[in-house]
Structures are given as C-alpha cells and as structure tokens.
Amino acid sequence: MRLLFYEAISYTWGSGDTTEEILVDGCTKKVTKSLYEILTGYSSLFLPKLLWIDALCIDQKNDVEKSQQVPLMNKIYRNAILTTVILG
C-alpha cells in the first residue's frame, strides 16, 4: 500500500455567485472566486504538492457522494501532512 502525502486546505466558500475556471488534470472546472484567489494567490506555497480541497475532491453535484465524504472530512484534515485554514 502506497501512502499519499497531501496537504488539505480549509476555507470559506463565499457566495458562489462569481466563479472562475481552473484546469485540474486536464479538465476545466468552475470554482468559487474565493477558491480561485486562494489557488492563484498562494500557488507558490502549495505547488507542486498534492492538495485535498473539498470543492474539488468531493463531487458537489452528487448528494450520495457528499453524504459519504462529509463525515470523513475530520479524518481527511487530521491525516494531511499540513492543513491550511484560510479565514474569509
């Protein structure tokens, strides 16, 4: 079994009214403006690292997946090598 070392980012989502596009694994994703600003403003702090960000790692349109993943978030944050909390 291969251990994955990742960093987790916890942040305030914001209203979600304004979105920006980012590229993740070759696919375009829409993210909130607050997440976009975090990723672009702090990219030198986070890259080239493996990141866990709930808005990207949990399918937000899939209620079944969300109901399974949300209870695991405490463990996900706890097992990260670093969790960065960004307050709005």
Protein backbone atom coordinates (compact mmCIF):
# COMPACT_ATOMS: atom_id res chain seq x y z
CA MET A 1 0.00 0.00 0.00
CA ARG A 2 1.41 3.37 -1.03
CA LEU A 3 0.94 6.24 1.39
CA LEU A 4 -0.11 9.54 -0.10
CA PHE A 5 1.24 12.69 1.44
CA TYR A 6 -1.11 15.57 0.85
CA GLU A 7 -1.97 18.98 2.17
CA ALA A 8 -5.55 19.99 2.90
CA ILE A 9 -6.99 23.46 2.53
CA SER A 10 -9.98 24.59 4.54
CA TYR A 11 -11.50 27.90 3.51
CA THR A 12 -14.69 29.95 3.41
CA TRP A 13 -16.53 29.13 0.19
CA GLY A 14 -18.05 32.57 -0.30
CA SER A 15 -21.36 33.16 -2.04
CA GLY A 16 -20.63 31.08 -5.12
CA ASP A 17 -22.27 33.70 -7.31
CA THR A 18 -18.99 34.51 -9.00
CA THR A 19 -16.97 31.67 -10.47
CA GLU A 20 -13.66 31.33 -12.24
CA GLU A 21 -12.29 28.46 -14.32
CA ILE A 22 -9.23 26.41 -13.42
CA LEU A 23 -7.58 23.40 -15.04
CA VAL A 24 -7.49 20.19 -12.97
CA ASP A 25 -5.98 17.04 -14.50
CA GLY A 26 -6.62 18.41 -17.98
CA CYS A 27 -10.27 19.23 -17.26
CA THR A 28 -11.77 22.69 -16.85
CA LYS A 29 -13.55 23.18 -13.52
CA LYS A 30 -15.55 26.12 -12.23
CA VAL A 31 -14.65 27.18 -8.71
CA THR A 32 -15.79 29.97 -6.44
CA LYS A 33 -13.94 33.24 -6.67
CA SER A 34 -12.60 32.71 -3.13
CA LEU A 35 -11.04 29.34 -4.04
CA TYR A 36 -9.65 30.78 -7.28
CA GLU A 37 -7.97 33.58 -5.32
CA ILE A 38 -6.51 31.08 -2.85
CA LEU A 39 -5.11 28.89 -5.61
CA THR A 40 -3.66 31.76 -7.62
CA GLY A 41 -2.52 33.89 -4.69
CA TYR A 42 -0.87 31.08 -2.76
CA SER A 43 0.21 28.83 -5.62
CA SER A 44 3.88 29.15 -4.74
CA LEU A 45 3.10 27.86 -1.24
CA PHE A 46 1.13 24.82 -2.40
CA LEU A 47 2.65 23.64 -5.67
CA PRO A 48 3.85 21.11 -6.74
CA LYS A 49 2.12 19.30 -3.93
CA LEU A 50 -0.89 17.04 -3.75
CA LEU A 51 -3.81 19.05 -2.39
CA TRP A 52 -7.14 18.00 -0.93
CA ILE A 53 -9.81 20.67 -1.32
CA ASP A 54 -13.39 19.66 -0.62
CA ALA A 55 -14.89 21.64 -3.50
CA LEU A 56 -12.65 19.76 -5.95
CA CYS A 57 -12.29 16.36 -4.31
CA ILE A 58 -15.96 15.81 -3.49
CA ASP A 59 -18.46 15.83 -6.36
CA GLN A 60 -20.66 18.69 -5.20
CA LYS A 61 -23.49 17.66 -7.55
CA ASN A 62 -23.64 14.11 -6.18
CA ASP A 63 -25.63 14.03 -2.93
CA VAL A 64 -24.73 10.37 -2.27
CA GLU A 65 -21.02 11.09 -2.54
CA LYS A 66 -21.33 14.20 -0.38
CA SER A 67 -23.22 12.28 2.31
CA GLN A 68 -20.42 9.69 2.37
CA GLN A 69 -17.48 12.09 2.21
CA VAL A 70 -18.54 14.90 4.55
CA PRO A 71 -18.39 12.66 7.66
CA LEU A 72 -14.82 11.72 6.65
CA MET A 73 -13.58 15.30 6.43
CA ASN A 74 -12.34 15.37 10.02
CA LYS A 75 -10.17 12.32 9.28
CA ILE A 76 -9.04 13.79 5.95
CA TYR A 77 -7.88 17.00 7.63
CA ARG A 78 -6.27 15.09 10.51
CA ASN A 79 -4.30 12.78 8.17
CA ALA A 80 -2.96 15.57 5.98
CA ILE A 81 0.70 16.40 6.49
CA LEU A 82 -0.45 20.02 6.73
CA THR A 83 -3.88 21.61 6.90
CA THR A 84 -4.07 25.26 6.00
CA VAL A 85 -7.12 27.15 7.25
CA ILE A 86 -7.92 30.36 5.42
CA LEU A 87 -10.49 32.58 7.09
CA GLY A 88 -12.67 34.75 4.85
